[in-house]
Amino acid sequence: MKSIQLQNYIGRRIRLIRKEQGLSQQQLSERAGVGIDYISNLETKGSNIKIDTLEKILTALDTAPSVLFESRVTPQNPQLETLADQLAELPKASQEQLLEAFQLLIKTVKDKPNR
């Protein structure tokens, strides 16, 4: 894995956890004692992060490192992880609608004879 991929992964996971907790970037920056620009850059650009700063952010989120690095899927296709993150960011009602649509699409593809 290239370092930029790890940086982007950490930024995406922090954003997802922050949003799940209903925190703004401002609130997280205040709790962690880092600038809001830092949080914004981390989440959007996958900025380089020092271990001690990561620890401050995880403490502010009351989140264990294992949660940050857990993966809900082990994809052969990295787009699946991105899709799972995007789905998790949506409101619950939208998640349920999309999951139903995905399930219907999967069933349709499975039931379709191969040609």
C-alpha atoms as a PDB file:
ATOM      1  CA  MET A   1       0.000   0.000   0.000  1.00  0.00           C
ATOM      2  CA  LYS A   2       1.391   3.380  -0.955  1.00  0.00           C
ATOM      3  CA  SER A   3       1.682   5.934   1.858  1.00  0.00           C
ATOM      4  CA  ILE A   4      -0.772   8.311   0.174  1.00  0.00           C
ATOM      5  CA  GLN A   5      -3.375   5.535   0.270  1.00  0.00           C
ATOM      6  CA  LEU A   6      -2.822   5.079   4.001  1.00  0.00           C
ATOM      7  CA  GLN A   7      -3.076   8.838   4.564  1.00  0.00           C
ATOM      8  CA  ASN A   8      -6.334   8.980   2.597  1.00  0.00           C
ATOM      9  CA  TYR A   9      -7.673   5.932   4.455  1.00  0.00           C
ATOM     10  CA  ILE A  10      -6.960   7.516   7.846  1.00  0.00           C
ATOM     11  CA  GLY A  11      -8.566  10.790   6.768  1.00  0.00           C
ATOM     12  CA  ARG A  12     -11.689   9.016   5.448  1.00  0.00           C
ATOM     13  CA  ARG A  13     -12.030   6.916   8.609  1.00  0.00           C
ATOM     14  CA  ILE A  14     -11.642   9.946  10.907  1.00  0.00           C
ATOM     15  CA  ARG A  15     -14.295  11.789   8.892  1.00  0.00           C
ATOM     16  CA  LEU A  16     -16.653   8.812   9.059  1.00  0.00           C
ATOM     17  CA  ILE A  17     -16.212   8.345  12.820  1.00  0.00           C
ATOM     18  CA  ARG A  18     -16.623  12.089  13.420  1.00  0.00           C
ATOM     19  CA  LYS A  19     -19.832  12.181  11.402  1.00  0.00           C
ATOM     20  CA  GLU A  20     -21.182   9.046  13.109  1.00  0.00           C
ATOM     21  CA  GLN A  21     -20.725  10.879  16.407  1.00  0.00           C
ATOM     22  CA  GLY A  22     -22.478  13.968  15.069  1.00  0.00           C
ATOM     23  CA  LEU A  23     -19.445  16.198  15.504  1.00  0.00           C
ATOM     24  CA  SER A  24     -18.470  19.090  13.272  1.00  0.00           C
ATOM     25  CA  GLN A  25     -14.881  19.583  12.207  1.00  0.00           C
ATOM     26  CA  GLN A  26     -14.789  22.593  14.518  1.00  0.00           C
ATOM     27  CA  GLN A  27     -15.920  20.528  17.511  1.00  0.00           C
ATOM     28  CA  LEU A  28     -13.353  17.827  16.794  1.00  0.00           C
ATOM     29  CA  SER A  29     -10.576  20.373  16.359  1.00  0.00           C
ATOM     30  CA  GLU A  30     -11.439  21.959  19.714  1.00  0.00           C
ATOM     31  CA  ARG A  31     -11.580  18.610  21.516  1.00  0.00           C
ATOM     32  CA  ALA A  32      -8.300  17.428  19.989  1.00  0.00           C
ATOM     33  CA  GLY A  33      -6.487  20.749  20.387  1.00  0.00           C
ATOM     34  CA  VAL A  34      -5.591  21.011  16.709  1.00  0.00           C
ATOM     35  CA  GLY A  35      -6.624  23.581  14.116  1.00  0.00           C
ATOM     36  CA  ILE A  36      -9.779  23.197  12.083  1.00  0.00           C
ATOM     37  CA  ASP A  37      -7.711  23.579   8.904  1.00  0.00           C
ATOM     38  CA  TYR A  38      -5.661  20.592  10.010  1.00  0.00           C
ATOM     39  CA  ILE A  39      -8.794  18.464  10.486  1.00  0.00           C
ATOM     40  CA  SER A  40     -10.193  19.630   7.146  1.00  0.00           C
ATOM     41  CA  ASN A  41      -6.965  18.847   5.276  1.00  0.00           C
ATOM     42  CA  LEU A  42      -6.641  15.502   7.008  1.00  0.00           C
ATOM     43  CA  GLU A  43     -10.163  14.462   6.051  1.00  0.00           C
ATOM     44  CA  THR A  44     -10.128  15.747   2.481  1.00  0.00           C
ATOM     45  CA  LYS A  45      -6.530  15.522   1.315  1.00  0.00           C
ATOM     46  CA  GLY A  46      -5.193  12.742   3.509  1.00  0.00           C
ATOM     47  CA  SER A  47      -2.495  14.972   5.002  1.00  0.00           C
ATOM     48  CA  ASN A  48       0.507  13.511   6.741  1.00  0.00           C
ATOM     49  CA  ILE A  49      -0.243  12.924  10.418  1.00  0.00           C
ATOM     50  CA  LYS A  50       2.056  12.423  13.383  1.00  0.00           C
ATOM     51  CA  ILE A  51       1.301   9.577  15.759  1.00  0.00           C
ATOM     52  CA  ASP A  52       0.846  11.921  18.733  1.00  0.00           C
ATOM     53  CA  THR A  53      -1.647  14.038  16.746  1.00  0.00           C
ATOM     54  CA  LEU A  54      -3.514  10.908  15.681  1.00  0.00           C
ATOM     55  CA  GLU A  55      -3.660   9.904  19.336  1.00  0.00           C
ATOM     56  CA  LYS A  56      -5.133  13.320  20.270  1.00  0.00           C
ATOM     57  CA  ILE A  57      -7.798  12.959  17.580  1.00  0.00           C
ATOM     58  CA  LEU A  58      -8.670   9.401  18.579  1.00  0.00           C
ATOM     59  CA  THR A  59      -8.901  10.487  22.227  1.00  0.00           C
ATOM     60  CA  ALA A  60     -11.175  13.371  21.213  1.00  0.00           C
ATOM     61  CA  LEU A  61     -13.349  10.867  19.329  1.00  0.00           C
ATOM     62  CA  ASP A  62     -13.178   8.406  22.254  1.00  0.00           C
ATOM     63  CA  THR A  63     -12.148   5.802  19.695  1.00  0.00           C
ATOM     64  CA  ALA A  64      -9.617   2.996  19.931  1.00  0.00           C
ATOM     65  CA  PRO A  65      -6.958   2.671  17.220  1.00  0.00           C
ATOM     66  CA  SER A  66      -8.364  -0.752  16.333  1.00  0.00           C
ATOM     67  CA  VAL A  67     -11.670   0.913  15.384  1.00  0.00           C
ATOM     68  CA  LEU A  68      -9.852   3.362  13.125  1.00  0.00           C
ATOM     69  CA  PHE A  69      -8.094   0.564  11.286  1.00  0.00           C
ATOM     70  CA  GLU A  70     -10.911  -1.968  11.201  1.00  0.00           C
ATOM     71  CA  SER A  71     -12.153  -2.820   7.775  1.00  0.00           C
ATOM     72  CA  ARG A  72     -15.734  -3.753   7.151  1.00  0.00           C
ATOM     73  CA  VAL A  73     -14.793  -5.449   3.915  1.00  0.00           C
ATOM     74  CA  THR A  74     -11.683  -7.118   2.610  1.00  0.00           C
ATOM     75  CA  PRO A  75     -12.043  -6.183  -1.012  1.00  0.00           C
ATOM     76  CA  GLN A  76     -10.109  -7.396  -3.961  1.00  0.00           C
ATOM     77  CA  ASN A  77     -11.541  -4.194  -5.457  1.00  0.00           C
ATOM     78  CA  PRO A  78     -10.645  -1.110  -3.353  1.00  0.00           C
ATOM     79  CA  GLN A  79     -13.725   0.691  -4.685  1.00  0.00           C
ATOM     80  CA  LEU A  80     -15.837  -1.501  -2.390  1.00  0.00           C
ATOM     81  CA  GLU A  81     -14.243   0.118   0.682  1.00  0.00           C
ATOM     82  CA  THR A  82     -14.915   3.582  -0.733  1.00  0.00           C
ATOM     83  CA  LEU A  83     -18.511   2.618  -1.510  1.00  0.00           C
ATOM     84  CA  ALA A  84     -18.981   1.268   2.030  1.00  0.00           C
ATOM     85  CA  ASP A  85     -17.618   4.523   3.495  1.00  0.00           C
ATOM     86  CA  GLN A  86     -19.876   6.648   1.280  1.00  0.00           C
ATOM     87  CA  LEU A  87     -22.899   4.568   2.239  1.00  0.00           C
ATOM     88  CA  ALA A  88     -22.067   4.875   5.942  1.00  0.00           C
ATOM     89  CA  GLU A  89     -22.012   8.681   5.650  1.00  0.00           C
ATOM     90  CA  LEU A  90     -25.628   8.832   4.459  1.00  0.00           C
ATOM     91  CA  PRO A  91     -28.645   9.178   6.757  1.00  0.00           C
ATOM     92  CA  LYS A  92     -30.054   5.837   7.969  1.00  0.00           C
ATOM     93  CA  ALA A  93     -33.182   6.085   5.784  1.00  0.00           C
ATOM     94  CA  SER A  94     -31.057   6.618   2.665  1.00  0.00           C
ATOM     95  CA  GLN A  95     -28.776   3.743   3.684  1.00  0.00           C
ATOM     96  CA  GLU A  96     -31.757   1.417   3.983  1.00  0.00           C
ATOM     97  CA  GLN A  97     -33.126   2.459   0.577  1.00  0.00           C
ATOM     98  CA  LEU A  98     -29.787   1.904  -1.122  1.00  0.00           C
ATOM     99  CA  LEU A  99     -29.203  -1.413   0.623  1.00  0.00           C
ATOM    100  CA  GLU A 100     -32.588  -2.652  -0.587  1.00  0.00           C
ATOM    101  CA  ALA A 101     -31.716  -1.524  -4.124  1.00  0.00           C
ATOM    102  CA  PHE A 102     -28.302  -3.232  -3.927  1.00  0.00           C
ATOM    103  CA  GLN A 103     -29.894  -6.449  -2.700  1.00  0.00           C
ATOM    104  CA  LEU A 104     -32.375  -6.382  -5.582  1.00  0.00           C
ATOM    105  CA  LEU A 105     -29.575  -5.743  -8.084  1.00  0.00           C
ATOM    106  CA  ILE A 106     -27.476  -8.572  -6.644  1.00  0.00           C
ATOM    107  CA  LYS A 107     -30.433 -10.968  -6.774  1.00  0.00           C
ATOM    108  CA  THR A 108     -31.139  -9.956 -10.378  1.00  0.00           C
ATOM    109  CA  VAL A 109     -27.527 -10.512 -11.416  1.00  0.00           C
ATOM    110  CA  LYS A 110     -27.370 -13.888  -9.620  1.00  0.00           C
ATOM    111  CA  ASP A 111     -30.646 -15.065 -11.144  1.00  0.00           C
ATOM    112  CA  LYS A 112     -29.663 -13.990 -14.660  1.00  0.00           C
ATOM    113  CA  PRO A 113     -28.304 -16.900 -16.699  1.00  0.00           C
ATOM    114  CA  ASN A 114     -24.700 -16.481 -17.849  1.00  0.00           C
ATOM    115  CA  ARG A 115     -24.367 -16.042 -21.599  1.00  0.00           C
END
